[in-house]
C-alpha atoms as a PDB file:
ATOM      1  CA  MET A   1     -13.440   5.087  -4.879  1.00  0.00           C
ATOM      2  CA  THR A   2     -10.090   4.037  -6.364  1.00  0.00           C
ATOM      3  CA  PHE A   3      -6.786   5.003  -4.750  1.00  0.00           C
ATOM      4  CA  LEU A   4      -3.254   5.043  -6.122  1.00  0.00           C
ATOM      5  CA  CYS A   5      -0.874   3.605  -3.511  1.00  0.00           C
ATOM      6  CA  ASP A   6       2.777   4.431  -3.185  1.00  0.00           C
ATOM      7  CA  ILE A   7       5.571   2.384  -1.658  1.00  0.00           C
ATOM      8  CA  THR A   8       4.855   3.646   1.870  1.00  0.00           C
ATOM      9  CA  ILE A   9       1.445   1.976   1.997  1.00  0.00           C
ATOM     10  CA  ILE A  10       2.629  -1.217   0.319  1.00  0.00           C
ATOM     11  CA  SER A  11       5.600  -1.572   2.670  1.00  0.00           C
ATOM     12  CA  GLU A  12       3.352  -0.922   5.661  1.00  0.00           C
ATOM     13  CA  LEU A  13       1.183  -3.877   4.613  1.00  0.00           C
ATOM     14  CA  ALA A  14       4.267  -6.124   4.746  1.00  0.00           C
ATOM     15  CA  ARG A  15       5.035  -5.266   8.372  1.00  0.00           C
ATOM     16  CA  PRO A  16       4.210  -7.784  11.120  1.00  0.00           C
ATOM     17  CA  GLN A  17       2.156  -5.186  12.993  1.00  0.00           C
ATOM     18  CA  LEU A  18       0.332  -2.698  10.782  1.00  0.00           C
ATOM     19  CA  ASN A  19      -0.311   0.914  11.625  1.00  0.00           C
ATOM     20  CA  ALA A  20      -3.938   1.161  12.800  1.00  0.00           C
ATOM     21  CA  GLY A  21      -4.687   4.087  10.466  1.00  0.00           C
ATOM     22  CA  VAL A  22      -3.379   2.230   7.416  1.00  0.00           C
ATOM     23  CA  LEU A  23      -5.333  -0.879   8.362  1.00  0.00           C
ATOM     24  CA  ILE A  24      -8.594   1.087   8.660  1.00  0.00           C
ATOM     25  CA  TRP A  25      -7.909   2.870   5.369  1.00  0.00           C
ATOM     26  CA  ILE A  26      -7.257  -0.412   3.537  1.00  0.00           C
ATOM     27  CA  GLN A  27     -10.375  -2.049   4.974  1.00  0.00           C
ATOM     28  CA  ASN A  28     -12.513   0.877   3.776  1.00  0.00           C
ATOM     29  CA  SER A  29     -10.968   1.128   0.303  1.00  0.00           C
ATOM     30  CA  TYR A  30     -12.927  -0.277  -2.603  1.00  0.00           C
ATOM     31  CA  SER A  31     -10.083  -0.429  -5.107  1.00  0.00           C
ATOM     32  CA  ILE A  32      -6.336   0.110  -4.849  1.00  0.00           C
ATOM     33  CA  LYS A  33      -3.965   0.552  -7.791  1.00  0.00           C
ATOM     34  CA  ASN A  34      -0.157   0.543  -7.999  1.00  0.00           C
ATOM     35  CA  ARG A  35       2.259   2.255 -10.338  1.00  0.00           C
ATOM     36  CA  VAL A  36       4.942   0.278 -12.128  1.00  0.00           C
ATOM     37  CA  ILE A  37       7.525   2.442 -10.362  1.00  0.00           C
ATOM     38  CA  THR A  38       6.171   1.280  -6.991  1.00  0.00           C
ATOM     39  CA  LEU A  39       6.537  -2.357  -8.009  1.00  0.00           C
ATOM     40  CA  GLU A  40      10.098  -1.722  -9.201  1.00  0.00           C
ATOM     41  CA  GLU A  41      10.914  -0.091  -5.864  1.00  0.00           C
ATOM     42  CA  ILE A  42       9.719  -3.256  -4.094  1.00  0.00           C
ATOM     43  CA  PHE A  43      11.677  -5.633  -6.328  1.00  0.00           C
ATOM     44  CA  TYR A  44      14.903  -3.627  -6.764  1.00  0.00           C
ATOM     45  CA  GLY A  45      15.020  -1.644  -3.533  1.00  0.00           C
END
């Protein structure tokens, strides 16, 4: 199954200690996609 991630998930992956629920979700995900808007939020704040 493919999932569309938003900035909340991406920013959680950048944290030193990940949320256990997010970590389990990522490990069980087959494919993850991003929107261009999400990437712009990361780069430009």
